[in-house]
Structures are given as structure tokens and as C-alpha cells.
C-alpha atoms as a PDB file:
ATOM      1  CA  MET A   1       5.140  10.201 -10.156  1.00  0.00           C
ATOM      2  CA  GLY A   2       3.478   8.148  -6.715  1.00  0.00           C
ATOM      3  CA  LEU A   3       0.934   5.473  -5.870  1.00  0.00           C
ATOM      4  CA  VAL A   4      -2.839   5.713  -5.462  1.00  0.00           C
ATOM      5  CA  TYR A   5      -5.037   4.160  -2.857  1.00  0.00           C
ATOM      6  CA  THR A   6      -8.310   2.988  -3.608  1.00  0.00           C
ATOM      7  CA  PRO A   7     -10.198   1.095  -0.658  1.00  0.00           C
ATOM      8  CA  SER A   8     -12.242  -2.138  -1.503  1.00  0.00           C
ATOM      9  CA  THR A   9     -16.175  -1.576  -1.186  1.00  0.00           C
ATOM     10  CA  GLN A  10     -16.351  -5.306  -2.023  1.00  0.00           C
ATOM     11  CA  LEU A  11     -16.180  -6.215   1.948  1.00  0.00           C
ATOM     12  CA  VAL A  12     -19.087  -7.091   4.506  1.00  0.00           C
ATOM     13  CA  GLU A  13     -21.208  -4.167   5.172  1.00  0.00           C
ATOM     14  CA  ARG A  14     -19.641  -2.536   2.968  1.00  0.00           C
ATOM     15  CA  SER A  15     -16.713  -1.098   5.192  1.00  0.00           C
ATOM     16  CA  ASN A  16     -13.216  -0.225   3.632  1.00  0.00           C
ATOM     17  CA  PHE A  17     -11.452  -2.560   6.595  1.00  0.00           C
ATOM     18  CA  ILE A  18     -11.400  -5.487   8.731  1.00  0.00           C
ATOM     19  CA  LYS A  19     -10.901  -5.394  12.506  1.00  0.00           C
ATOM     20  CA  LEU A  20      -9.098  -8.224  13.976  1.00  0.00           C
ATOM     21  CA  SER A  21      -8.067  -8.710  17.449  1.00  0.00           C
ATOM     22  CA  ASN A  22      -5.019  -6.917  17.963  1.00  0.00           C
ATOM     23  CA  GLY A  23      -5.700  -4.223  14.821  1.00  0.00           C
ATOM     24  CA  PHE A  24      -7.082  -3.614  11.740  1.00  0.00           C
ATOM     25  CA  LEU A  25      -6.711  -4.787   7.531  1.00  0.00           C
ATOM     26  CA  LEU A  26      -7.140  -1.915   4.825  1.00  0.00           C
ATOM     27  CA  VAL A  27      -8.203  -3.945   1.680  1.00  0.00           C
ATOM     28  CA  GLY A  28      -7.952  -1.852  -1.754  1.00  0.00           C
ATOM     29  CA  THR A  29      -5.977  -1.745  -4.686  1.00  0.00           C
ATOM     30  CA  VAL A  30      -2.941   0.554  -5.494  1.00  0.00           C
ATOM     31  CA  THR A  31      -2.691   2.212  -8.561  1.00  0.00           C
ATOM     32  CA  PHE A  32       0.973   2.134  -9.692  1.00  0.00           C
ATOM     33  CA  SER A  33       1.814   4.929 -12.306  1.00  0.00           C
ATOM     34  CA  GLY A  34       4.827   7.025 -13.555  1.00  0.00           C
ATOM     35  CA  SER A  35       8.365   5.870 -12.365  1.00  0.00           C
ATOM     36  CA  TYR A  36       9.746   4.557  -8.581  1.00  0.00           C
ATOM     37  CA  ALA A  37      11.631   6.377  -6.686  1.00  0.00           C
ATOM     38  CA  ALA A  38      15.062   4.957  -5.130  1.00  0.00           C
ATOM     39  CA  GLY A  39      13.782   4.932  -1.409  1.00  0.00           C
ATOM     40  CA  GLY A  40      10.072   4.087  -1.797  1.00  0.00           C
ATOM     41  CA  ASP A  41       7.217   5.781  -3.108  1.00  0.00           C
ATOM     42  CA  THR A  42       4.749   7.547  -1.484  1.00  0.00           C
ATOM     43  CA  PHE A  43       0.763   8.163  -1.870  1.00  0.00           C
ATOM     44  CA  THR A  44      -0.466  11.133  -3.706  1.00  0.00           C
ATOM     45  CA  THR A  45      -3.929  11.911  -3.473  1.00  0.00           C
ATOM     46  CA  GLY A  46      -6.707  10.858  -0.909  1.00  0.00           C
ATOM     47  CA  LYS A  47      -5.702  10.247   2.855  1.00  0.00           C
ATOM     48  CA  SER A  48      -2.278   8.776   3.553  1.00  0.00           C
ATOM     49  CA  LEU A  49      -2.877   5.646   4.973  1.00  0.00           C
ATOM     50  CA  GLU A  50      -1.499   6.433   8.360  1.00  0.00           C
ATOM     51  CA  ASP A  51      -4.718   9.027   7.889  1.00  0.00           C
ATOM     52  CA  LEU A  52      -7.039   6.194   7.397  1.00  0.00           C
ATOM     53  CA  PHE A  53      -6.219   4.161   9.970  1.00  0.00           C
ATOM     54  CA  LYS A  54      -6.027   6.756  12.264  1.00  0.00           C
ATOM     55  CA  THR A  55      -9.981   7.366  11.021  1.00  0.00           C
ATOM     56  CA  ILE A  56     -10.626   3.612  12.038  1.00  0.00           C
ATOM     57  CA  GLY A  57      -8.720   3.813  15.357  1.00  0.00           C
ATOM     58  CA  ALA A  58      -5.429   2.584  14.104  1.00  0.00           C
ATOM     59  CA  GLY A  59      -2.071   4.609  15.114  1.00  0.00           C
ATOM     60  CA  ARG A  60      -0.169   3.545  12.630  1.00  0.00           C
ATOM     61  CA  VAL A  61       0.574   1.058   9.481  1.00  0.00           C
ATOM     62  CA  ILE A  62       2.866  -1.377  10.392  1.00  0.00           C
ATOM     63  CA  ALA A  63       2.706  -3.832   7.407  1.00  0.00           C
ATOM     64  CA  ALA A  64       1.915  -3.921   3.610  1.00  0.00           C
ATOM     65  CA  LEU A  65       0.849  -8.114   3.407  1.00  0.00           C
ATOM     66  CA  ALA A  66       1.334 -10.273   0.728  1.00  0.00           C
ATOM     67  CA  ASP A  67       3.115  -9.875  -2.692  1.00  0.00           C
ATOM     68  CA  ILE A  68       2.028  -7.299  -5.055  1.00  0.00           C
ATOM     69  CA  ARG A  69       2.254  -8.686  -8.462  1.00  0.00           C
ATOM     70  CA  GLY A  70       5.562 -10.609  -7.312  1.00  0.00           C
ATOM     71  CA  TYR A  71       6.876  -7.706  -5.470  1.00  0.00           C
ATOM     72  CA  THR A  72       7.401  -7.473  -1.810  1.00  0.00           C
ATOM     73  CA  PRO A  73       6.020  -4.148  -0.129  1.00  0.00           C
ATOM     74  CA  GLU A  74       7.475  -2.886   2.639  1.00  0.00           C
ATOM     75  CA  TRP A  75       6.263  -0.392   4.329  1.00  0.00           C
ATOM     76  CA  ASP A  76       8.094   3.330   5.781  1.00  0.00           C
ATOM     77  CA  SER A  77       6.941   4.348   8.462  1.00  0.00           C
ATOM     78  CA  THR A  78       9.610   7.051   9.071  1.00  0.00           C
ATOM     79  CA  ALA A  79       9.582   7.857   5.495  1.00  0.00           C
ATOM     80  CA  LYS A  80       5.853   7.644   5.259  1.00  0.00           C
ATOM     81  CA  LYS A  81       6.931   5.236   1.883  1.00  0.00           C
ATOM     82  CA  MET A  82       5.929   2.478   0.538  1.00  0.00           C
ATOM     83  CA  LYS A  83       9.568   0.285  -1.041  1.00  0.00           C
ATOM     84  CA  LEU A  84       8.801  -2.591  -3.346  1.00  0.00           C
ATOM     85  CA  PHE A  85      11.387  -5.848  -3.774  1.00  0.00           C
ATOM     86  CA  SER A  86      12.282  -8.258  -5.604  1.00  0.00           C
ATOM     87  CA  GLY A  87      14.224 -11.425  -4.739  1.00  0.00           C
ATOM     88  CA  GLY A  88      15.258  -9.044  -1.883  1.00  0.00           C
ATOM     89  CA  THR A  89      16.694  -6.364  -3.432  1.00  0.00           C
ATOM     90  CA  GLU A  90      15.012  -2.678  -3.887  1.00  0.00           C
ATOM     91  CA  LEU A  91      13.120  -1.909  -7.263  1.00  0.00           C
ATOM     92  CA  THR A  92      16.061   0.647  -8.833  1.00  0.00           C
ATOM     93  CA  ALA A  93      14.510   4.025  -9.959  1.00  0.00           C
ATOM     94  CA  GLY A  94      13.094   4.193 -12.989  1.00  0.00           C
ATOM     95  CA  ALA A  95       9.916   3.548 -14.778  1.00  0.00           C
ATOM     96  CA  TYR A  96       7.747   0.545 -12.828  1.00  0.00           C
ATOM     97  CA  PRO A  97       7.814  -2.788 -14.546  1.00  0.00           C
ATOM     98  CA  ALA A  98       4.517  -3.509 -16.939  1.00  0.00           C
ATOM     99  CA  ALA A  99       3.303  -6.166 -14.678  1.00  0.00           C
ATOM    100  CA  LEU A 100       2.626  -3.335 -11.753  1.00  0.00           C
ATOM    101  CA  THR A 101       1.312  -0.516 -14.487  1.00  0.00           C
ATOM    102  CA  ALA A 102      -1.605  -2.416 -16.208  1.00  0.00           C
ATOM    103  CA  SER A 103      -4.117  -2.197 -13.810  1.00  0.00           C
ATOM    104  CA  PRO A 104      -4.656  -1.163  -9.927  1.00  0.00           C
ATOM    105  CA  ALA A 105      -3.138  -4.175  -7.681  1.00  0.00           C
ATOM    106  CA  PRO A 106      -5.028  -5.877  -5.022  1.00  0.00           C
ATOM    107  CA  ALA A 107      -3.035  -4.550  -1.476  1.00  0.00           C
ATOM    108  CA  VAL A 108      -3.515  -5.084   2.050  1.00  0.00           C
ATOM    109  CA  PHE A 109      -2.383  -2.874   5.059  1.00  0.00           C
ATOM    110  CA  LEU A 110      -1.767  -4.006   8.337  1.00  0.00           C
ATOM    111  CA  GLY A 111      -2.469  -1.253  11.041  1.00  0.00           C
ATOM    112  CA  ARG A 112      -2.276  -1.473  14.685  1.00  0.00           C
END
């Protein structure tokens, strides 16, 4: 089905990003539902990550930082999809693992 990114409202000054000397961090949650597609999954509602980064002055998404519930995310900027890996191997197409769909998962994305 796809991924839904929800910006955090818990940051200082109620902003959904953190300005760094060399870029921006978007902090929020990702909601997983449906099935994972081979080659990555897209964000289905709201603005894309690229649009969010352009709004705050960053040119592109560089990376998804930190594991998400034991899975390593990788942002594919060409396809505009987020891939998930476990033990260095991309998830196979099929239903998302229960650990990911139980509730929205914290996520941080770097842009420059």
C-alpha cells in the first residue's frame, strides 16, 4: 500500500525539522501498511520527502537515519522510494512484518 510520513510536533518551537550546519533533519514517524514492494515503497499521502525538504531549503533527501524497528532503511532518490533491509538483504515482496505495522515507527531523514 505504501508509507505515510507524519512530521513530529514535539521538537523545539514546534518545528518538524532541525537545521544543521550542512543540511536538515526531518523528524517524525512512518506508518507501514499493506505489503512491501520489491525495490522499495513510496510515501502515499501528503507531501513527498523531497517536497518537504524543498519547503525548508534542502535540495534532496540524502538518507534515512537509524534503523526502524530492526530494519535498515535506505532512500532511493532516483525512484523516490524507501527500501528496507534486514541483515544486509532487502525485504522480499509481501506483507510487512508485524513489528513494522504495529504502530507508527519513529524515523529521521537527512537532507541537503
